């Protein structure tokens, strides 16, 4: 996987990222934005895709 510099920080990060910060997060009504089962399905697909 290729890496690029993050702005002028000197840090190298992957060109491709998989955002997961909403996994398991509940809104004000208690509804989960991405449920546990769906999160695992997405992570499995991401891993299988390389």
PDB file of N, CA and C in Angstrom:
ATOM      1  N   UNK A   1       0.846  -1.168   0.000  1.00  0.00           N
ATOM      2  CA  UNK A   1       0.000   0.000   0.000  1.00  0.00           C
ATOM      3  C   UNK A   1       0.894   1.234   0.000  1.00  0.00           C
ATOM      4  N   UNK A   2       0.516   2.207  -0.776  1.00  0.00           N
ATOM      5  CA  UNK A   2       1.297   3.431  -0.882  1.00  0.00           C
ATOM      6  C   UNK A   2       1.010   4.373   0.281  1.00  0.00           C
ATOM      7  N   UNK A   3       2.027   5.142   0.639  1.00  0.00           N
ATOM      8  CA  UNK A   3       1.893   6.122   1.721  1.00  0.00           C
ATOM      9  C   UNK A   3       2.185   7.512   1.166  1.00  0.00           C
ATOM     10  N   UNK A   4       1.579   8.502   1.782  1.00  0.00           N
ATOM     11  CA  UNK A   4       1.793   9.901   1.411  1.00  0.00           C
ATOM     12  C   UNK A   4       2.057  10.696   2.682  1.00  0.00           C
ATOM     13  N   UNK A   5       2.671  11.861   2.527  1.00  0.00           N
ATOM     14  CA  UNK A   5       2.897  12.729   3.676  1.00  0.00           C
ATOM     15  C   UNK A   5       1.616  13.480   4.020  1.00  0.00           C
ATOM     16  N   UNK A   6       1.353  13.608   5.300  1.00  0.00           N
ATOM     17  CA  UNK A   6       0.171  14.298   5.793  1.00  0.00           C
ATOM     18  C   UNK A   6       0.511  15.770   5.986  1.00  0.00           C
ATOM     19  N   UNK A   7       0.162  16.560   4.994  1.00  0.00           N
ATOM     20  CA  UNK A   7       0.466  17.992   5.053  1.00  0.00           C
ATOM     21  C   UNK A   7       1.941  18.224   5.282  1.00  0.00           C
ATOM     22  N   UNK A   8       2.263  19.124   6.191  1.00  0.00           N
ATOM     23  CA  UNK A   8       3.664  19.430   6.506  1.00  0.00           C
ATOM     24  C   UNK A   8       4.076  18.829   7.848  1.00  0.00           C
ATOM     25  N   UNK A   9       3.339  17.799   8.310  1.00  0.00           N
ATOM     26  CA  UNK A   9       3.614  17.206   9.620  1.00  0.00           C
ATOM     27  C   UNK A   9       4.804  16.260   9.611  1.00  0.00           C
ATOM     28  N   UNK A  10       5.184  15.778   8.433  1.00  0.00           N
ATOM     29  CA  UNK A  10       6.245  14.787   8.359  1.00  0.00           C
ATOM     30  C   UNK A  10       5.743  13.366   8.575  1.00  0.00           C
ATOM     31  N   UNK A  11       4.470  13.219   8.904  1.00  0.00           N
ATOM     32  CA  UNK A  11       3.879  11.897   9.111  1.00  0.00           C
ATOM     33  C   UNK A  11       3.485  11.282   7.778  1.00  0.00           C
ATOM     34  N   UNK A  12       3.737   9.990   7.632  1.00  0.00           N
ATOM     35  CA  UNK A  12       3.287   9.279   6.452  1.00  0.00           C
ATOM     36  C   UNK A  12       2.056   8.459   6.814  1.00  0.00           C
ATOM     37  N   UNK A  13       1.064   8.538   5.956  1.00  0.00           N
ATOM     38  CA  UNK A  13      -0.184   7.812   6.170  1.00  0.00           C
ATOM     39  C   UNK A  13      -0.551   7.069   4.891  1.00  0.00           C
ATOM     40  N   UNK A  14      -1.387   6.076   5.026  1.00  0.00           N
ATOM     41  CA  UNK A  14      -1.862   5.312   3.885  1.00  0.00           C
ATOM     42  C   UNK A  14      -2.663   6.211   2.949  1.00  0.00           C
ATOM     43  N   UNK A  15      -2.549   5.957   1.638  1.00  0.00           N
ATOM     44  CA  UNK A  15      -3.348   6.709   0.666  1.00  0.00           C
ATOM     45  C   UNK A  15      -4.830   6.395   0.816  1.00  0.00           C
ATOM     46  N   UNK A  16      -5.114   5.178   1.216  1.00  0.00           N
ATOM     47  CA  UNK A  16      -6.499   4.737   1.348  1.00  0.00           C
ATOM     48  C   UNK A  16      -6.789   4.474   2.818  1.00  0.00           C
ATOM     49  N   UNK A  17      -7.919   4.965   3.285  1.00  0.00           N
ATOM     50  CA  UNK A  17      -8.300   4.754   4.680  1.00  0.00           C
ATOM     51  C   UNK A  17      -9.742   4.245   4.734  1.00  0.00           C
ATOM     52  N   UNK A  18     -10.073   3.607   5.811  1.00  0.00           N
ATOM     53  CA  UNK A  18     -11.427   3.097   6.021  1.00  0.00           C
ATOM     54  C   UNK A  18     -11.948   3.716   7.305  1.00  0.00           C
ATOM     55  N   UNK A  19     -12.806   4.702   7.185  1.00  0.00           N
ATOM     56  CA  UNK A  19     -13.313   5.407   8.356  1.00  0.00           C
ATOM     57  C   UNK A  19     -14.303   4.576   9.149  1.00  0.00           C
ATOM     58  N   UNK A  20     -14.046   4.427  10.434  1.00  0.00           N
ATOM     59  CA  UNK A  20     -14.912   3.598  11.279  1.00  0.00           C
ATOM     60  C   UNK A  20     -15.427   4.339  12.507  1.00  0.00           C
ATOM     61  N   UNK A  21     -15.215   5.628  12.585  1.00  0.00           N
ATOM     62  CA  UNK A  21     -15.557   6.339  13.819  1.00  0.00           C
ATOM     63  C   UNK A  21     -17.043   6.310  14.129  1.00  0.00           C
ATOM     64  N   UNK A  22     -17.901   6.032  13.148  1.00  0.00           N
ATOM     65  CA  UNK A  22     -19.335   5.981  13.404  1.00  0.00           C
ATOM     66  C   UNK A  22     -19.807   4.574  13.792  1.00  0.00           C
ATOM     67  N   UNK A  23     -18.928   3.604  13.733  1.00  0.00           N
ATOM     68  CA  UNK A  23     -19.310   2.241  14.096  1.00  0.00           C
ATOM     69  C   UNK A  23     -19.645   2.199  15.588  1.00  0.00           C
ATOM     70  N   UNK A  24     -20.833   1.700  15.899  1.00  0.00           N
ATOM     71  CA  UNK A  24     -21.239   1.551  17.284  1.00  0.00           C
ATOM     72  C   UNK A  24     -21.713   2.833  17.942  1.00  0.00           C
ATOM     73  N   UNK A  25     -21.655   3.932  17.230  1.00  0.00           N
ATOM     74  CA  UNK A  25     -22.055   5.228  17.785  1.00  0.00           C
ATOM     75  C   UNK A  25     -23.582   5.326  17.806  1.00  0.00           C
ATOM     76  N   UNK A  26     -24.121   5.779  18.914  1.00  0.00           N
ATOM     77  CA  UNK A  26     -25.568   5.946  19.032  1.00  0.00           C
ATOM     78  C   UNK A  26     -25.929   7.415  18.904  1.00  0.00           C
ATOM     79  N   UNK A  27     -27.057   7.682  18.230  1.00  0.00           N
ATOM     80  CA  UNK A  27     -27.527   9.057  18.158  1.00  0.00           C
ATOM     81  C   UNK A  27     -28.342   9.381  19.415  1.00  0.00           C
ATOM     82  N   UNK A  28     -28.961  10.536  19.451  1.00  0.00           N
ATOM     83  CA  UNK A  28     -29.686  10.989  20.644  1.00  0.00           C
ATOM     84  C   UNK A  28     -30.855  10.073  21.010  1.00  0.00           C
ATOM     85  N   UNK A  29     -31.387   9.339  20.029  1.00  0.00           N
ATOM     86  CA  UNK A  29     -32.522   8.451  20.305  1.00  0.00           C
ATOM     87  C   UNK A  29     -32.083   7.042  20.681  1.00  0.00           C
ATOM     88  N   UNK A  30     -30.764   6.794  20.672  1.00  0.00           N
ATOM     89  CA  UNK A  30     -30.254   5.475  21.012  1.00  0.00           C
ATOM     90  C   UNK A  30     -30.110   4.551  19.814  1.00  0.00           C
ATOM     91  N   UNK A  31     -30.377   5.081  18.618  1.00  0.00           N
ATOM     92  CA  UNK A  31     -30.233   4.294  17.397  1.00  0.00           C
ATOM     93  C   UNK A  31     -28.765   4.229  17.006  1.00  0.00           C
ATOM     94  N   UNK A  32     -28.278   3.026  16.737  1.00  0.00           N
ATOM     95  CA  UNK A  32     -26.888   2.858  16.321  1.00  0.00           C
ATOM     96  C   UNK A  32     -26.774   3.165  14.838  1.00  0.00           C
ATOM     97  N   UNK A  33     -25.818   4.011  14.482  1.00  0.00           N
ATOM     98  CA  UNK A  33     -25.649   4.408  13.088  1.00  0.00           C
ATOM     99  C   UNK A  33     -25.171   3.242  12.229  1.00  0.00           C
ATOM    100  N   UNK A  34     -24.199   2.491  12.690  1.00  0.00           N
ATOM    101  CA  UNK A  34     -23.745   1.265  12.025  1.00  0.00           C
ATOM    102  C   UNK A  34     -23.699   0.198  13.106  1.00  0.00           C
ATOM    103  N   UNK A  35     -24.604  -0.762  13.005  1.00  0.00           N
ATOM    104  CA  UNK A  35     -24.688  -1.807  14.016  1.00  0.00           C
ATOM    105  C   UNK A  35     -23.489  -2.743  13.995  1.00  0.00           C
ATOM    106  N   UNK A  36     -23.352  -3.528  15.043  1.00  0.00           N
ATOM    107  CA  UNK A  36     -22.206  -4.421  15.208  1.00  0.00           C
ATOM    108  C   UNK A  36     -22.089  -5.416  14.057  1.00  0.00           C
ATOM    109  N   UNK A  37     -23.185  -6.061  13.690  1.00  0.00           N
ATOM    110  CA  UNK A  37     -23.145  -7.055  12.614  1.00  0.00           C
ATOM    111  C   UNK A  37     -22.718  -6.416  11.301  1.00  0.00           C
ATOM    112  N   UNK A  38     -23.301  -5.269  10.968  1.00  0.00           N
ATOM    113  CA  UNK A  38     -22.951  -4.588   9.709  1.00  0.00           C
ATOM    114  C   UNK A  38     -21.501  -4.118   9.742  1.00  0.00           C
ATOM    115  N   UNK A  39     -21.039  -3.667  10.885  1.00  0.00           N
ATOM    116  CA  UNK A  39     -19.645  -3.232  11.015  1.00  0.00           C
ATOM    117  C   UNK A  39     -18.695  -4.389  10.708  1.00  0.00           C
ATOM    118  N   UNK A  40     -18.993  -5.582  11.237  1.00  0.00           N
ATOM    119  CA  UNK A  40     -18.154  -6.747  10.953  1.00  0.00           C
ATOM    120  C   UNK A  40     -18.201  -7.118   9.472  1.00  0.00           C
ATOM    121  N   UNK A  41     -19.375  -7.011   8.860  1.00  0.00           N
ATOM    122  CA  UNK A  41     -19.490  -7.304   7.431  1.00  0.00           C
ATOM    123  C   UNK A  41     -18.627  -6.344   6.615  1.00  0.00           C
ATOM    124  N   UNK A  42     -18.669  -5.074   6.955  1.00  0.00           N
ATOM    125  CA  UNK A  42     -17.876  -4.075   6.242  1.00  0.00           C
ATOM    126  C   UNK A  42     -16.383  -4.289   6.450  1.00  0.00           C
ATOM    127  N   UNK A  43     -15.987  -4.594   7.675  1.00  0.00           N
ATOM    128  CA  UNK A  43     -14.569  -4.851   7.956  1.00  0.00           C
ATOM    129  C   UNK A  43     -14.074  -6.094   7.224  1.00  0.00           C
ATOM    130  N   UNK A  44     -14.897  -7.136   7.172  1.00  0.00           N
ATOM    131  CA  UNK A  44     -14.524  -8.346   6.439  1.00  0.00           C
ATOM    132  C   UNK A  44     -14.342  -8.043   4.953  1.00  0.00           C
ATOM    133  N   UNK A  45     -15.270  -7.286   4.374  1.00  0.00           N
ATOM    134  CA  UNK A  45     -15.170  -6.936   2.954  1.00  0.00           C
ATOM    135  C   UNK A  45     -13.928  -6.091   2.688  1.00  0.00           C
ATOM    136  N   UNK A  46     -13.625  -5.185   3.600  1.00  0.00           N
ATOM    137  CA  UNK A  46     -12.434  -4.340   3.470  1.00  0.00           C
ATOM    138  C   UNK A  46     -11.167  -5.193   3.493  1.00  0.00           C
ATOM    139  N   UNK A  47     -11.104  -6.135   4.420  1.00  0.00           N
ATOM    140  CA  UNK A  47      -9.927  -7.004   4.537  1.00  0.00           C
ATOM    141  C   UNK A  47      -9.788  -7.910   3.311  1.00  0.00           C
ATOM    142  N   UNK A  48     -10.901  -8.433   2.826  1.00  0.00           N
ATOM    143  CA  UNK A  48     -10.867  -9.303   1.652  1.00  0.00           C
ATOM    144  C   UNK A  48     -10.437  -8.543   0.399  1.00  0.00           C
ATOM    145  N   UNK A  49     -10.746  -7.255   0.361  1.00  0.00           N
ATOM    146  CA  UNK A  49     -10.384  -6.431  -0.790  1.00  0.00           C
ATOM    147  C   UNK A  49      -8.927  -6.023  -0.810  1.00  0.00           C
ATOM    148  N   UNK A  50      -8.238  -6.297   0.283  1.00  0.00           N
ATOM    149  CA  UNK A  50      -6.811  -5.980   0.347  1.00  0.00           C
ATOM    150  C   UNK A  50      -6.575  -4.597   0.828  1.00  0.00           C
TER     151      UNK A  50
END
